[in-house]
N, C-alpha and C. Protein backbone atom coordinates (compact mmCIF):
# COMPACT_ATOMS: atom_id res chain seq x y z
N MET A 1 119.66 -86.59 -56.40
CA MET A 1 120.77 -86.72 -56.77
C MET A 1 120.78 -88.05 -57.26
N PHE A 2 121.07 -89.28 -56.05
CA PHE A 2 121.70 -90.38 -56.18
C PHE A 2 120.39 -91.17 -56.91
N ALA A 3 118.90 -91.13 -56.57
CA ALA A 3 117.40 -91.99 -57.41
C ALA A 3 117.76 -91.57 -58.73
N ASP A 4 117.97 -90.39 -59.02
CA ASP A 4 117.76 -90.53 -60.10
C ASP A 4 118.44 -91.01 -60.67
N ARG A 5 119.68 -91.68 -60.50
CA ARG A 5 120.69 -92.56 -61.10
C ARG A 5 120.06 -94.13 -61.54
N ALA A 6 119.02 -94.16 -59.73
CA ALA A 6 118.88 -95.58 -59.66
C ALA A 6 117.76 -95.50 -60.19
N HIS A 7 117.02 -95.07 -61.42
CA HIS A 7 116.07 -95.62 -62.48
C HIS A 7 116.49 -94.84 -63.55
N ALA A 8 117.77 -94.56 -63.96
CA ALA A 8 117.82 -94.68 -65.13
C ALA A 8 118.44 -95.59 -66.12
N ALA A 9 117.83 -95.42 -67.39
CA ALA A 9 118.25 -96.62 -68.13
C ALA A 9 119.23 -97.34 -67.95
N PRO A 10 119.44 -98.88 -67.85
CA PRO A 10 120.50 -99.20 -68.00
C PRO A 10 121.96 -98.94 -69.43
N ALA A 11 123.52 -98.48 -69.13
CA ALA A 11 124.06 -98.47 -69.92
C ALA A 11 123.82 -99.28 -71.70
N ARG A 12 123.90 -99.58 -72.77
CA ARG A 12 124.06 -100.39 -73.50
C ARG A 12 125.70 -101.07 -73.43
N GLN A 13 125.49 -101.88 -73.96
CA GLN A 13 126.29 -102.99 -74.28
C GLN A 13 126.87 -103.45 -75.58
N ASP A 14 128.02 -103.12 -75.97
CA ASP A 14 128.27 -103.61 -77.43
C ASP A 14 128.22 -104.79 -77.43
N PRO A 15 127.34 -105.15 -78.67
CA PRO A 15 126.93 -106.45 -79.26
C PRO A 15 128.54 -107.37 -79.09
N SER A 16 128.90 -107.11 -79.94
CA SER A 16 130.61 -107.87 -80.57
C SER A 16 131.08 -107.87 -79.47
N LEU A 17 131.25 -108.05 -77.50
CA LEU A 17 131.68 -108.09 -76.77
C LEU A 17 130.57 -109.37 -75.96
N GLY A 18 129.70 -109.81 -76.89
CA GLY A 18 128.56 -110.61 -75.79
C GLY A 18 128.38 -110.65 -74.27
N SER A 19 126.98 -111.14 -74.28
CA SER A 19 126.59 -110.90 -73.12
C SER A 19 127.53 -111.88 -72.47
N THR A 20 127.18 -110.88 -70.89
CA THR A 20 128.43 -111.46 -69.79
C THR A 20 127.02 -112.36 -69.00
N ASP A 21 125.68 -112.14 -68.98
CA ASP A 21 124.85 -113.27 -68.64
C ASP A 21 124.23 -114.06 -68.98
N ASP A 22 125.43 -114.57 -70.04
CA ASP A 22 124.84 -115.78 -71.18
C ASP A 22 124.87 -117.08 -69.97
N PRO A 23 124.06 -117.85 -69.88
CA PRO A 23 124.24 -119.24 -69.24
C PRO A 23 125.39 -120.19 -69.90
N GLU A 24 125.03 -120.04 -71.76
CA GLU A 24 125.74 -121.07 -72.44
C GLU A 24 127.14 -120.45 -72.90
N ARG A 25 127.41 -119.50 -72.11
CA ARG A 25 129.31 -119.01 -71.82
C ARG A 25 130.04 -119.96 -71.90
N GLY A 26 129.97 -120.88 -70.55
CA GLY A 26 130.61 -120.93 -70.12
C GLY A 26 131.79 -121.02 -69.19
N ASP A 27 132.91 -121.58 -68.72
CA ASP A 27 134.33 -121.38 -67.86
C ASP A 27 134.76 -121.67 -68.47
N VAL A 28 135.74 -119.87 -69.45
CA VAL A 28 136.86 -120.50 -69.92
C VAL A 28 138.59 -120.95 -68.96
N PRO A 29 138.17 -120.27 -67.93
CA PRO A 29 139.27 -121.17 -66.97
C PRO A 29 138.77 -122.66 -66.77
N GLY A 30 138.23 -122.53 -66.42
CA GLY A 30 137.93 -124.09 -65.84
C GLY A 30 137.92 -124.86 -67.12
N TRP A 31 137.72 -125.13 -68.29
CA TRP A 31 137.99 -125.92 -69.35
C TRP A 31 139.50 -125.73 -69.48
N VAL A 32 140.09 -124.42 -69.50
CA VAL A 32 141.58 -124.85 -69.67
C VAL A 32 141.91 -125.80 -68.73
N LEU A 33 141.76 -125.58 -67.65
CA LEU A 33 142.36 -126.30 -66.22
C LEU A 33 142.36 -128.04 -66.75
N ILE A 34 140.40 -128.05 -66.98
CA ILE A 34 140.39 -129.41 -67.36
C ILE A 34 140.97 -130.21 -68.13
N THR A 35 141.27 -129.09 -69.52
CA THR A 35 142.14 -129.77 -70.50
C THR A 35 143.59 -130.02 -70.06
N LEU A 36 144.25 -128.95 -69.31
CA LEU A 36 145.80 -129.33 -69.00
C LEU A 36 145.77 -130.77 -67.57
N MET A 37 144.70 -130.55 -67.12
CA MET A 37 145.10 -131.97 -66.10
C MET A 37 144.46 -133.24 -67.13
N THR A 38 143.70 -133.11 -68.13
CA THR A 38 143.56 -134.51 -69.19
C THR A 38 144.72 -134.59 -69.73
N ALA A 39 145.66 -133.77 -69.90
CA ALA A 39 146.60 -134.19 -71.11
C ALA A 39 147.57 -134.88 -69.96
N GLY A 40 148.48 -133.55 -68.65
CA GLY A 40 148.71 -133.89 -67.92
C GLY A 40 148.47 -135.72 -67.39
N LEU A 41 147.30 -136.38 -67.52
CA LEU A 41 146.82 -137.85 -66.50
C LEU A 41 146.94 -138.27 -67.78
N VAL A 42 147.76 -138.62 -68.80
CA VAL A 42 147.33 -139.11 -70.20
C VAL A 42 148.98 -139.31 -70.32
N VAL A 43 149.94 -138.07 -70.05
CA VAL A 43 151.09 -138.53 -70.37
C VAL A 43 151.55 -139.37 -68.91
N LEU A 44 150.96 -139.06 -67.87
CA LEU A 44 151.27 -140.00 -66.77
C LEU A 44 151.58 -141.15 -66.75
N ILE A 45 150.09 -141.33 -67.27
CA ILE A 45 149.64 -143.02 -67.59
C ILE A 45 150.41 -143.63 -68.85
N TRP A 46 150.76 -142.89 -69.53
CA TRP A 46 151.50 -143.48 -70.91
C TRP A 46 152.89 -143.17 -70.18
N ALA A 47 153.36 -143.02 -69.54
CA ALA A 47 154.75 -142.87 -69.06
C ALA A 47 154.65 -144.37 -68.10
N LEU A 48 153.84 -144.76 -66.91
CA LEU A 48 153.67 -145.57 -66.42
C LEU A 48 153.59 -147.02 -67.44
N ALA A 49 152.69 -146.92 -68.15
CA ALA A 49 152.30 -148.10 -68.70
C ALA A 49 153.06 -148.30 -70.70
N GLY A 50 153.42 -147.51 -70.84
CA GLY A 50 154.22 -147.50 -72.19
C GLY A 50 154.66 -149.06 -72.01
N PRO A 51 156.00 -148.90 -71.41
CA PRO A 51 156.22 -150.18 -71.67
C PRO A 51 156.21 -151.44 -71.67
N ALA A 52 155.19 -151.64 -70.95
CA ALA A 52 154.01 -153.23 -70.23
C ALA A 52 153.44 -153.33 -72.11
N LEU A 53 152.64 -151.93 -71.80
CA LEU A 53 151.82 -151.98 -73.51
C LEU A 53 153.10 -152.34 -74.74
N THR A 54 154.00 -152.19 -75.05
CA THR A 54 154.88 -151.97 -75.65
C THR A 54 155.37 -153.56 -75.84
N ASN A 55 155.75 -154.01 -74.85
CA ASN A 55 155.76 -155.90 -74.72
C ASN A 55 154.94 -156.54 -75.14
N LEU A 56 153.65 -156.31 -74.18
CA LEU A 56 152.57 -156.75 -74.76
C LEU A 56 152.29 -156.83 -76.25
N PHE A 57 152.39 -155.70 -76.93
CA PHE A 57 152.44 -155.83 -78.34
C PHE A 57 153.19 -156.51 -79.13
N GLU A 58 154.26 -156.21 -78.77
CA GLU A 58 155.79 -156.95 -79.25
C GLU A 58 155.60 -158.81 -79.17
N GLN A 59 154.92 -159.28 -78.25
CA GLN A 59 154.42 -160.54 -77.59
C GLN A 59 153.39 -160.87 -78.57
N ALA A 60 152.36 -160.02 -79.13
CA ALA A 60 151.88 -160.49 -79.04
C ALA A 60 151.32 -160.50 -80.63
N ILE A 61 152.52 -159.89 -81.82
CA ILE A 61 153.21 -159.66 -82.75
C ILE A 61 153.94 -160.75 -83.16
N ALA A 62 154.84 -161.42 -82.18
CA ALA A 62 155.79 -162.21 -82.28
C ALA A 62 154.83 -163.62 -82.58
N ARG A 63 153.14 -163.86 -81.57
CA ARG A 63 153.25 -165.05 -81.96
C ARG A 63 152.61 -165.25 -82.93
N VAL A 64 151.42 -164.06 -83.22
CA VAL A 64 150.63 -164.34 -85.05
C VAL A 64 151.77 -164.37 -85.72
N SER A 65 153.02 -163.77 -85.91
CA SER A 65 154.09 -163.66 -87.31
C SER A 65 154.71 -164.97 -86.95
N GLY A 66 154.70 -165.55 -85.73
CA GLY A 66 155.42 -166.84 -85.77
C GLY A 66 157.32 -166.70 -85.56
N LEU A 67 157.40 -165.48 -85.23
CA LEU A 67 159.07 -165.45 -85.37
C LEU A 67 159.21 -165.59 -83.82
């Protein structure tokens, strides 16, 4: 009874759903996590270095323009 199922043809998959064993498919939750962590790091670095970079830029412009 169960031996017949072991040798049965595998069920066909809908091609519009894509293959689940495709190595190029990627890890979507992983990419989402990497994207969110990168955005968080950018915001953190910008918050810490923003005022210093603004000051540096304003000093450079003042020296170049002679104000």
